[in-house]
Structure formats: C-alpha cells, structure tokens
C-alpha cells in the first residue's frame, strides 16, 4: 500500500545541513517531561526580523500568489499536479483540485503574503511555492498561535537549485513579521525532530480498482470475489439521526468537537468561524455529518472526511484514484466501529475508492474491526521553534492536509 513518502521538494536525502541551523530539536535529543516546554529560540520582537526578502538566484523572483484570481490558482494547480508528492514507487501523485486549494489556503485570517511563489522573471512561469495559514495548536498545556506550513513544492527540473531552504526561510521571515514564531508541518521524510510519528491505514472501498492500479494486492489464495466479500458494506447507514451537517448544526458540532479534542496532548483549537470554514460541507472537497439526539436535539456524534484524489501514473485505464481522508470524528452515542462503518458507507456512496486514516486520536479503536490495512510509511509531525516531549499517536488530534 502506498503513502505520502516524500515532501514534494526532492531534497529529503540531505536535509540536515539546513535543519541543523534551524530552531528545532536535534534528532538524537532526548526531551523529557520535566517542564522543558517552550520556544527554542531566544525571545525576539518584530523589529529583530529581517525586513527584506531573501535573495533568489537569477532568473527568479518572488511573487505573492493571489488565490482569489482563477488564473493564478490554475498556475498553482499545474505546479502541484506535476511536481508535488508522489509515493515512493512513482505510481501515484496527489491531485489537489483548484477548489480544494482555495478552501485549504483561504481560511479565516489568511494572508496573501503567506502564499509566496517563485517565478521566472521573463515568462512569469511558476516554479516553486510554499504556504502558511493561521492556526492555534495546543501542545500539552500551551495554546500556541502558530501557522501550518504546507504545499512546499519545487519544479522537478530545479531540484538542484537549493530553493527549498530559501522558501522555508522566506515563509518564516514573513510569518515572524506578524509576531508569530511557531509552526506545525508534516513530512514523510525523517527530519530533526518529530513531535509525533503516525502511520496511515487504508480501508478498501473499491477492491477491483485498487488491485487494478496496484494500490493493493490480492493475498495468497485470495480471489477477487473473496476480497470484495470481505470489504462489503451495506448501502444504507445504520445510525438513527445521522445526516449531513447544516449551518444550524455548526455551534453544537463545534462545541462537541472542541470538548473532545481538549482531551489530547497535541490538538487543534478552532474558533467558531474557523470551524464553519473547515467543516461546512463542500461537494468533492469536505464532507461532514452529525448525529442529532431526537429528544434533546443535541449533536452527539460527528463524522468528517475530505477528498484528496491521486493521479494514477502510467495506467492504461484509470487516471484517478479517489481517496477520502478521515478528518475529525467524535463518537458520543455509538461505539467507534459503528460510527466509522457509517463513515465508510457514506464515503463509498460519494464515489470514493479508498478511505485513509492516521492512527491518531481514538482511531485505533476501529482499525481492526473495520478491516483497515496498515500503510507502509510514517507521516512525521513537526513543530518549528517549540520543544516538548514526543507525543504517541493516540495523543495526537491534529490533521494537516
């Protein structure tokens, strides 16, 4: 099975020369829970921050991408579609849709200057990109205003230009200028030093297609009919009162999720307007469902997942693998396997081929009963300029896209 193995910048094999200059823990550093929580850098103020952008080699220039301009969104889509994350066997590449990118990069409080791109001066062709969006993440007892860094991508033909470190330094500079000093990010690659190491699990929804494209294989003495029988799901959901989330549900669902997340060691904190942005259903982008108690009308349970297809590289029949990624779920009135079996039914109903989930939060409680298969790679979580003990996967309640 195939996971996010690379970070899209193509420079994973020699990262430490750069990362050893950054405010992150060393790989061999042991961080114990003795109060050693907090920033790594000495405290700074905005006046200390370099006021001008980092220099780029010729013939390149910085450009702040305008995500409200469809033509510029097209350019970003084209760069990512052809150059972003591939699995280690070069069989699949993430295919973020234009609509998904607008949703992911324009939450409440987004800033255009946190979407720096590198262009060729003469042609204005986009060749590299990195992004930051505002977030509040709690690590143990500290609620930290920070950014989530994502979509670091350098054109394949420019991987020897060492652009990735310049992109990272430039986005750091821009974020620091707003008096924000910490960041969260993920990578398949092992860098100094993960705050958490999580693994993807996959649940087959369309067995024949997943075998055809090489995403999974038939086991020994396993026939396709046997596999399809093992992966069978009912057509209808089983939880009374389960329905798509509406705007009227947002306050109750927000309260439910916030209370649930607060029980973890590393978790996302959502303001009401952020919750509405991230969880309001958007076709082919994000799906959210709630269970309403028929007597009290309270929201007792929640399901959410987002759509992240992958291009199938070099296949004669299939061009796209439709993957649903588990987002945030809360089991209040039913057991976890019941809730997530209903999530699988909903994902299959919406045309997904596979349902992916990390082994974070309470997800271990349904992986075996629902026949999830273990993926073959880790997704490492990192905090920039923040030191705290490593968090075991069940203590993590943070999903970065």
Protein backbone atom coordinates (compact mmCIF):
# COMPACT_ATOMS: atom_id res chain seq x y z
CA UNK A 1 0.00 0.00 0.00
CA UNK A 2 1.16 3.49 -0.76
CA UNK A 3 1.51 6.56 1.44
CA UNK A 4 2.84 10.09 1.39
CA UNK A 5 6.53 9.20 1.31
CA UNK A 6 8.13 12.40 0.10
CA UNK A 7 7.63 16.04 0.84
CA UNK A 8 7.49 17.36 -2.70
CA UNK A 9 10.77 19.28 -2.63
CA UNK A 10 13.02 16.39 -3.66
CA UNK A 11 15.72 17.26 -1.14
CA UNK A 12 14.93 14.77 1.64
CA UNK A 13 18.20 12.87 1.29
CA UNK A 14 20.36 15.74 2.56
CA UNK A 15 18.16 17.84 4.81
CA UNK A 16 20.17 18.09 8.00
CA UNK A 17 22.74 20.62 6.79
CA UNK A 18 19.81 23.02 6.62
CA UNK A 19 17.72 21.80 9.55
CA UNK A 20 20.68 21.82 11.93
CA UNK A 21 20.71 25.63 11.51
CA UNK A 22 17.02 25.93 12.46
CA UNK A 23 15.31 26.17 15.88
CA UNK A 24 14.24 22.53 16.01
CA UNK A 25 15.39 19.76 18.38
CA UNK A 26 18.28 17.58 17.20
CA UNK A 27 17.34 14.07 16.08
CA UNK A 28 19.26 12.46 18.96
CA UNK A 29 18.00 14.93 21.56
CA UNK A 30 16.03 13.39 24.42
CA UNK A 31 13.24 15.66 25.65
CA UNK A 32 11.79 14.60 28.98
CA UNK A 33 8.58 15.82 30.57
CA UNK A 34 10.31 17.87 33.26
CA UNK A 35 8.99 21.27 32.33
CA UNK A 36 11.19 21.67 29.24
CA UNK A 37 8.31 23.02 27.14
CA UNK A 38 8.60 26.19 25.13
CA UNK A 39 10.35 28.13 22.37
CA UNK A 40 13.83 27.07 21.28
CA UNK A 41 14.96 30.49 20.03
CA UNK A 42 15.58 33.31 22.45
CA UNK A 43 12.56 35.66 22.53
CA UNK A 44 12.55 38.15 19.67
CA UNK A 45 10.42 41.09 18.57
CA UNK A 46 9.25 42.03 15.09
CA UNK A 47 11.91 44.75 14.91
CA UNK A 48 14.56 42.00 15.01
CA UNK A 49 13.23 40.36 11.83
CA UNK A 50 14.95 40.87 8.50
CA UNK A 51 12.78 43.43 6.64
CA UNK A 52 13.66 42.36 3.07
CA UNK A 53 13.06 39.07 1.23
CA UNK A 54 15.84 36.52 0.90
CA UNK A 55 17.76 36.72 -2.35
CA UNK A 56 16.86 34.36 -5.18
CA UNK A 57 19.32 33.32 -7.89
CA UNK A 58 18.79 34.64 -11.40
CA UNK A 59 16.44 34.40 -13.29
CA UNK A 60 13.91 34.02 -10.44
CA UNK A 61 11.71 36.45 -8.50
CA UNK A 62 9.30 36.33 -5.57
CA UNK A 63 5.58 36.71 -6.22
CA UNK A 64 2.67 36.64 -3.75
CA UNK A 65 0.12 34.29 -5.25
CA UNK A 66 -3.43 35.65 -5.40
CA UNK A 67 -5.75 32.77 -4.55
CA UNK A 68 -8.77 34.90 -5.49
CA UNK A 69 -7.53 35.01 -9.11
CA UNK A 70 -8.59 31.86 -11.01
CA UNK A 71 -5.67 32.17 -13.45
CA UNK A 72 -3.16 32.13 -10.60
CA UNK A 73 -4.95 29.21 -8.93
CA UNK A 74 -4.60 27.40 -12.27
CA UNK A 75 -0.84 28.01 -12.19
CA UNK A 76 -0.56 26.61 -8.66
CA UNK A 77 -2.72 23.62 -9.58
CA UNK A 78 -0.47 22.93 -12.58
CA UNK A 79 2.72 23.14 -10.49
CA UNK A 80 1.41 20.83 -7.76
CA UNK A 81 -0.24 18.34 -10.13
CA UNK A 82 3.02 17.75 -11.98
CA UNK A 83 5.58 18.18 -9.21
CA UNK A 84 4.12 17.56 -5.74
CA UNK A 85 4.01 14.49 -3.51
CA UNK A 86 4.46 11.10 -5.17
CA UNK A 87 4.57 7.74 -3.45
CA UNK A 88 7.98 6.07 -3.28
CA UNK A 89 7.25 3.86 -6.31
CA UNK A 90 6.14 6.80 -8.52
CA UNK A 91 2.75 5.18 -9.13
CA UNK A 92 0.53 7.88 -7.59
CA UNK A 93 0.74 11.66 -7.21
CA UNK A 94 -1.60 13.84 -5.16
CA UNK A 95 -4.05 15.76 -7.35
CA UNK A 96 -5.40 18.60 -5.23
CA UNK A 97 -8.31 20.25 -7.07
CA UNK A 98 -8.42 24.01 -7.63
CA UNK A 99 -11.45 24.25 -5.36
CA UNK A 100 -9.67 22.25 -2.65
CA UNK A 101 -6.63 24.54 -2.80
CA UNK A 102 -8.82 27.64 -2.40
CA UNK A 103 -10.52 26.05 0.62
CA UNK A 104 -7.21 24.93 2.15
CA UNK A 105 -5.35 28.21 1.62
CA UNK A 106 -8.07 30.79 2.34
CA UNK A 107 -9.38 30.08 5.86
CA UNK A 108 -10.36 32.98 8.14
CA UNK A 109 -7.34 35.20 8.70
CA UNK A 110 -5.40 34.02 5.63
CA UNK A 111 -2.84 36.43 4.17
CA UNK A 112 -1.77 36.73 0.55
CA UNK A 113 1.83 37.41 1.62
CA UNK A 114 1.84 33.96 3.27
CA UNK A 115 1.49 32.41 -0.21
CA UNK A 116 4.95 33.18 -1.65
CA UNK A 117 5.79 31.72 -5.04
CA UNK A 118 8.95 31.74 -7.12
CA UNK A 119 8.56 32.73 -10.78
CA UNK A 120 10.86 33.01 -13.77
CA UNK A 121 11.17 36.77 -14.32
CA UNK A 122 10.82 36.77 -18.08
CA UNK A 123 7.96 34.29 -18.56
CA UNK A 124 6.26 34.65 -15.12
CA UNK A 125 6.11 30.84 -15.02
CA UNK A 126 5.54 29.47 -11.50
CA UNK A 127 8.36 27.12 -10.44
CA UNK A 128 8.10 26.89 -6.64
CA UNK A 129 5.66 27.55 -3.81
CA UNK A 130 5.16 27.34 -0.06
CA UNK A 131 2.22 28.36 2.11
CA UNK A 132 1.28 29.26 5.66
CA UNK A 133 -2.17 29.54 7.17
CA UNK A 134 -3.05 30.75 10.68
CA UNK A 135 -3.77 28.12 13.31
CA UNK A 136 -3.87 27.65 17.04
CA UNK A 137 -2.34 24.41 18.26
CA UNK A 138 -2.19 23.23 21.84
CA UNK A 139 0.90 21.24 22.83
CA UNK A 140 0.41 19.81 26.31
CA UNK A 141 -0.62 22.83 28.44
CA UNK A 142 0.44 25.54 25.98
CA UNK A 143 -2.02 27.03 23.47
CA UNK A 144 0.23 28.46 20.77
CA UNK A 145 -0.72 30.87 17.97
CA UNK A 146 1.17 29.47 15.00
CA UNK A 147 0.93 28.69 11.33
CA UNK A 148 0.55 25.44 9.45
CA UNK A 149 3.12 25.15 6.67
CA UNK A 150 2.10 23.18 3.59
CA UNK A 151 2.46 22.71 -0.16
CA UNK A 152 6.24 23.15 -0.26
CA UNK A 153 6.88 22.33 -3.90
CA UNK A 154 9.80 22.90 -6.28
CA UNK A 155 9.61 22.13 -10.00
CA UNK A 156 11.32 18.82 -10.76
CA UNK A 157 13.84 20.42 -13.12
CA UNK A 158 15.00 22.84 -10.39
CA UNK A 159 15.59 20.38 -7.54
CA UNK A 160 19.36 21.05 -7.66
CA UNK A 161 18.94 24.81 -7.12
CA UNK A 162 18.50 24.52 -3.31
CA UNK A 163 15.29 26.53 -3.48
CA UNK A 164 13.50 24.64 -0.70
CA UNK A 165 15.64 26.09 2.15
CA UNK A 166 15.16 29.59 0.73
CA UNK A 167 11.39 29.07 0.59
CA UNK A 168 11.37 27.88 4.21
CA UNK A 169 13.47 30.81 5.41
CA UNK A 170 11.31 33.29 3.47
CA UNK A 171 7.99 31.98 4.80
CA UNK A 172 9.50 32.01 8.30
CA UNK A 173 10.54 35.65 7.85
CA UNK A 174 7.09 36.67 6.63
CA UNK A 175 5.33 34.90 9.49
CA UNK A 176 7.75 36.36 12.06
CA UNK A 177 6.91 39.84 10.76
CA UNK A 178 3.37 39.28 12.10
CA UNK A 179 4.72 38.35 15.56
CA UNK A 180 4.11 34.61 15.09
CA UNK A 181 7.11 32.43 15.98
CA UNK A 182 5.96 28.80 15.82
CA UNK A 183 4.75 26.48 13.05
CA UNK A 184 3.41 22.97 12.53
CA UNK A 185 4.17 20.86 9.47
CA UNK A 186 4.30 17.24 8.34
CA UNK A 187 6.58 15.20 6.10
CA UNK A 188 7.09 11.61 5.11
CA UNK A 189 10.83 12.23 5.47
CA UNK A 190 12.55 11.94 8.85
CA UNK A 191 13.88 15.39 9.77
CA UNK A 192 15.06 16.87 13.09
CA UNK A 193 12.92 16.15 15.16
CA UNK A 194 9.37 14.75 15.03
CA UNK A 195 6.95 15.63 17.80
CA UNK A 196 4.87 12.64 16.64
CA UNK A 197 5.26 9.69 14.24
CA UNK A 198 1.99 8.48 12.79
CA UNK A 199 1.04 5.86 10.24
CA UNK A 200 -1.62 5.74 7.56
CA UNK A 201 -4.13 2.91 7.41
CA UNK A 202 -6.29 2.21 4.37
CA UNK A 203 -9.77 0.73 4.02
CA UNK A 204 -10.66 -0.65 0.60
CA UNK A 205 -13.98 0.56 -0.81
CA UNK A 206 -13.50 -0.41 -4.47
CA UNK A 207 -11.46 -3.62 -4.36
CA UNK A 208 -11.21 -4.28 -8.10
CA UNK A 209 -9.95 -0.79 -8.93
CA UNK A 210 -7.40 -0.73 -6.09
CA UNK A 211 -5.95 -4.04 -7.27
CA UNK A 212 -6.03 -2.94 -10.93
CA UNK A 213 -3.98 0.21 -10.23
CA UNK A 214 -1.54 -1.54 -7.87
CA UNK A 215 -2.59 0.30 -4.71
CA UNK A 216 -3.16 -3.03 -3.01
CA UNK A 217 -2.71 -6.70 -3.92
CA UNK A 218 -4.69 -9.87 -3.51
CA UNK A 219 -3.32 -12.01 -0.69
CA UNK A 220 -2.14 -15.56 -1.23
CA UNK A 221 -5.07 -17.85 -2.00
CA UNK A 222 -7.32 -14.75 -2.07
CA UNK A 223 -9.66 -14.30 -5.04
CA UNK A 224 -11.25 -11.02 -6.09
CA UNK A 225 -14.67 -12.31 -5.04
CA UNK A 226 -13.31 -13.15 -1.59
CA UNK A 227 -11.77 -9.70 -1.24
CA UNK A 228 -14.98 -7.99 -2.35
CA UNK A 229 -16.94 -10.04 0.18
CA UNK A 230 -14.51 -9.08 2.98
CA UNK A 231 -14.83 -5.40 2.05
CA UNK A 232 -18.61 -5.44 1.63
CA UNK A 233 -20.53 -2.51 3.08
CA UNK A 234 -24.27 -2.01 3.42
CA UNK A 235 -25.95 0.50 1.13
CA UNK A 236 -27.66 2.37 3.97
CA UNK A 237 -26.29 3.91 7.14
CA UNK A 238 -27.39 2.41 10.46
CA UNK A 239 -27.27 5.28 12.98
CA UNK A 240 -30.66 6.95 13.57
CA UNK A 241 -30.49 10.71 13.10
CA UNK A 242 -27.26 10.65 11.05
CA UNK A 243 -27.39 13.37 8.39
CA UNK A 244 -25.30 15.95 6.58
CA UNK A 245 -24.25 18.87 8.76
CA UNK A 246 -26.15 22.14 8.18
CA UNK A 247 -25.25 25.73 9.15
CA UNK A 248 -27.64 25.41 12.10
CA UNK A 249 -25.58 22.48 13.42
CA UNK A 250 -22.31 24.42 13.50
CA UNK A 251 -22.47 25.73 17.11
CA UNK A 252 -23.37 22.33 18.56
CA UNK A 253 -20.88 20.41 16.43
CA UNK A 254 -18.15 22.96 17.23
CA UNK A 255 -18.79 22.56 20.97
CA UNK A 256 -18.80 18.75 20.65
CA UNK A 257 -15.51 18.64 18.75
CA UNK A 258 -13.78 21.23 20.93
CA UNK A 259 -14.57 19.29 24.10
CA UNK A 260 -13.37 16.04 22.51
CA UNK A 261 -10.10 17.50 21.19
CA UNK A 262 -9.20 19.02 24.56
CA UNK A 263 -8.53 15.55 25.98
CA UNK A 264 -5.42 15.09 23.78
CA UNK A 265 -1.80 16.24 24.19
CA UNK A 266 -1.34 17.81 20.74
CA UNK A 267 -4.51 19.19 19.23
CA UNK A 268 -6.08 21.83 17.00
CA UNK A 269 -8.16 24.62 18.51
CA UNK A 270 -10.89 26.01 16.24
CA UNK A 271 -12.61 29.36 16.64
CA UNK A 272 -16.32 29.25 15.59
CA UNK A 273 -15.65 30.89 12.21
CA UNK A 274 -12.73 28.52 11.57
CA UNK A 275 -14.89 25.52 12.39
CA UNK A 276 -17.55 26.75 9.96
CA UNK A 277 -14.92 27.13 7.24
CA UNK A 278 -13.27 23.74 7.71
CA UNK A 279 -16.38 21.62 8.27
CA UNK A 280 -19.23 23.15 6.25
CA UNK A 281 -19.87 20.53 3.55
CA UNK A 282 -18.45 21.33 0.11
CA UNK A 283 -19.01 18.77 -2.65
CA UNK A 284 -15.82 16.99 -3.74
CA UNK A 285 -13.85 18.86 -1.04
CA UNK A 286 -15.04 18.20 2.51
CA UNK A 287 -17.90 16.11 3.87
CA UNK A 288 -19.38 16.46 7.36
CA UNK A 289 -22.22 14.59 9.05
CA UNK A 290 -23.75 14.78 12.50
CA UNK A 291 -25.99 12.68 14.71
CA UNK A 292 -28.78 14.64 16.41
CA UNK A 293 -30.49 13.32 19.51
CA UNK A 294 -34.21 13.20 18.55
CA UNK A 295 -35.32 14.23 22.06
CA UNK A 296 -32.81 16.87 23.13
CA UNK A 297 -31.75 17.92 19.61
CA UNK A 298 -28.15 17.93 20.82
CA UNK A 299 -25.38 16.98 18.41
CA UNK A 300 -23.96 13.77 19.89
CA UNK A 301 -21.65 12.44 17.16
CA UNK A 302 -19.75 13.77 14.17
CA UNK A 303 -18.12 12.37 11.03
CA UNK A 304 -15.91 14.30 8.62
CA UNK A 305 -13.56 13.45 5.78
CA UNK A 306 -12.02 15.33 2.89
CA UNK A 307 -11.41 14.44 -0.74
CA UNK A 308 -7.83 14.12 -1.95
CA UNK A 309 -7.58 12.16 -5.21
CA UNK A 310 -4.32 10.95 -6.70
CA UNK A 311 -3.31 10.77 -10.33
CA UNK A 312 -2.58 7.19 -11.35
CA UNK A 313 0.69 7.44 -13.28
CA UNK A 314 1.02 5.45 -16.49
CA UNK A 315 -2.09 3.28 -16.16
CA UNK A 316 -3.90 2.37 -19.41
CA UNK A 317 -7.43 2.57 -17.94
CA UNK A 318 -7.57 4.51 -14.67
CA UNK A 319 -6.39 8.13 -14.44
CA UNK A 320 -7.58 8.97 -10.91
CA UNK A 321 -7.75 7.21 -7.56
CA UNK A 322 -10.50 8.76 -5.43
CA UNK A 323 -9.39 8.81 -1.80
CA UNK A 324 -11.31 10.02 1.25
CA UNK A 325 -9.10 11.11 4.15
CA UNK A 326 -10.51 10.97 7.66
CA UNK A 327 -10.64 14.48 9.17
CA UNK A 328 -12.14 14.77 12.68
CA UNK A 329 -14.72 12.40 14.15
CA UNK A 330 -16.47 12.15 17.53
CA UNK A 331 -18.27 9.03 18.78
CA UNK A 332 -20.68 10.12 21.51
CA UNK A 333 -23.79 7.95 21.31
CA UNK A 334 -22.36 4.92 19.47
CA UNK A 335 -19.17 2.87 19.58
CA UNK A 336 -16.27 3.84 17.31
CA UNK A 337 -16.59 0.86 14.91
CA UNK A 338 -20.28 1.67 14.40
CA UNK A 339 -19.63 5.36 13.74
CA UNK A 340 -16.80 4.71 11.31
CA UNK A 341 -18.58 1.91 9.46
CA UNK A 342 -21.20 4.54 8.71
CA UNK A 343 -18.42 6.88 7.58
CA UNK A 344 -17.20 4.17 5.17
CA UNK A 345 -20.73 3.71 3.80
CA UNK A 346 -21.04 7.47 3.23
CA UNK A 347 -17.62 7.65 1.55
CA UNK A 348 -18.48 4.76 -0.76
CA UNK A 349 -21.82 6.40 -1.57
CA UNK A 350 -19.92 9.52 -2.67
CA UNK A 351 -17.76 7.55 -5.10
CA UNK A 352 -14.53 7.07 -3.15
CA UNK A 353 -12.27 4.09 -3.85
CA UNK A 354 -10.38 4.04 -0.54
CA UNK A 355 -10.73 5.56 2.93
CA UNK A 356 -7.47 6.66 4.57
CA UNK A 357 -6.93 7.35 8.25
CA UNK A 358 -3.97 8.04 10.52
CA UNK A 359 -3.56 6.05 13.74
CA UNK A 360 -4.20 9.20 15.81
CA UNK A 361 -6.93 10.19 18.29
CA UNK A 362 -9.15 7.16 19.03
CA UNK A 363 -8.72 5.69 15.56
CA UNK A 364 -7.04 2.53 16.86
CA UNK A 365 -10.43 1.53 18.25
CA UNK A 366 -11.87 0.80 14.80
CA UNK A 367 -8.91 -0.10 12.56
CA UNK A 368 -9.03 -3.87 13.13
CA UNK A 369 -12.81 -4.35 13.38
CA UNK A 370 -13.34 -2.47 10.10
CA UNK A 371 -10.50 -4.23 8.22
CA UNK A 372 -8.18 -1.30 7.70
CA UNK A 373 -4.80 -2.30 6.27
CA UNK A 374 -1.57 -0.85 7.63
CA UNK A 375 0.24 1.51 5.25
CA UNK A 376 3.94 1.28 4.51
CA UNK A 377 5.19 4.67 5.66
CA UNK A 378 5.11 7.14 8.51
CA UNK A 379 3.81 10.69 8.47
CA UNK A 380 6.01 12.70 10.81
CA UNK A 381 4.64 15.74 12.63
CA UNK A 382 6.96 18.65 13.44
CA UNK A 383 6.81 21.85 15.48
CA UNK A 384 9.10 24.72 14.49
CA UNK A 385 10.72 26.67 17.34
CA UNK A 386 8.92 24.67 20.02
CA UNK A 387 10.30 21.97 22.29
CA UNK A 388 8.16 19.42 24.08
CA UNK A 389 8.26 15.64 24.65
CA UNK A 390 7.25 13.42 21.74
CA UNK A 391 3.55 12.57 21.63
CA UNK A 392 2.45 8.99 20.99
CA UNK A 393 -0.03 8.66 18.12
CA UNK A 394 -3.15 8.23 20.32
CA UNK A 395 -2.31 11.58 21.95
CA UNK A 396 -2.38 13.47 18.64
CA UNK A 397 -5.55 15.28 17.50
CA UNK A 398 -4.24 17.43 14.67
CA UNK A 399 -4.83 16.83 10.95
CA UNK A 400 -2.83 18.75 8.35
CA UNK A 401 -3.77 18.47 4.68
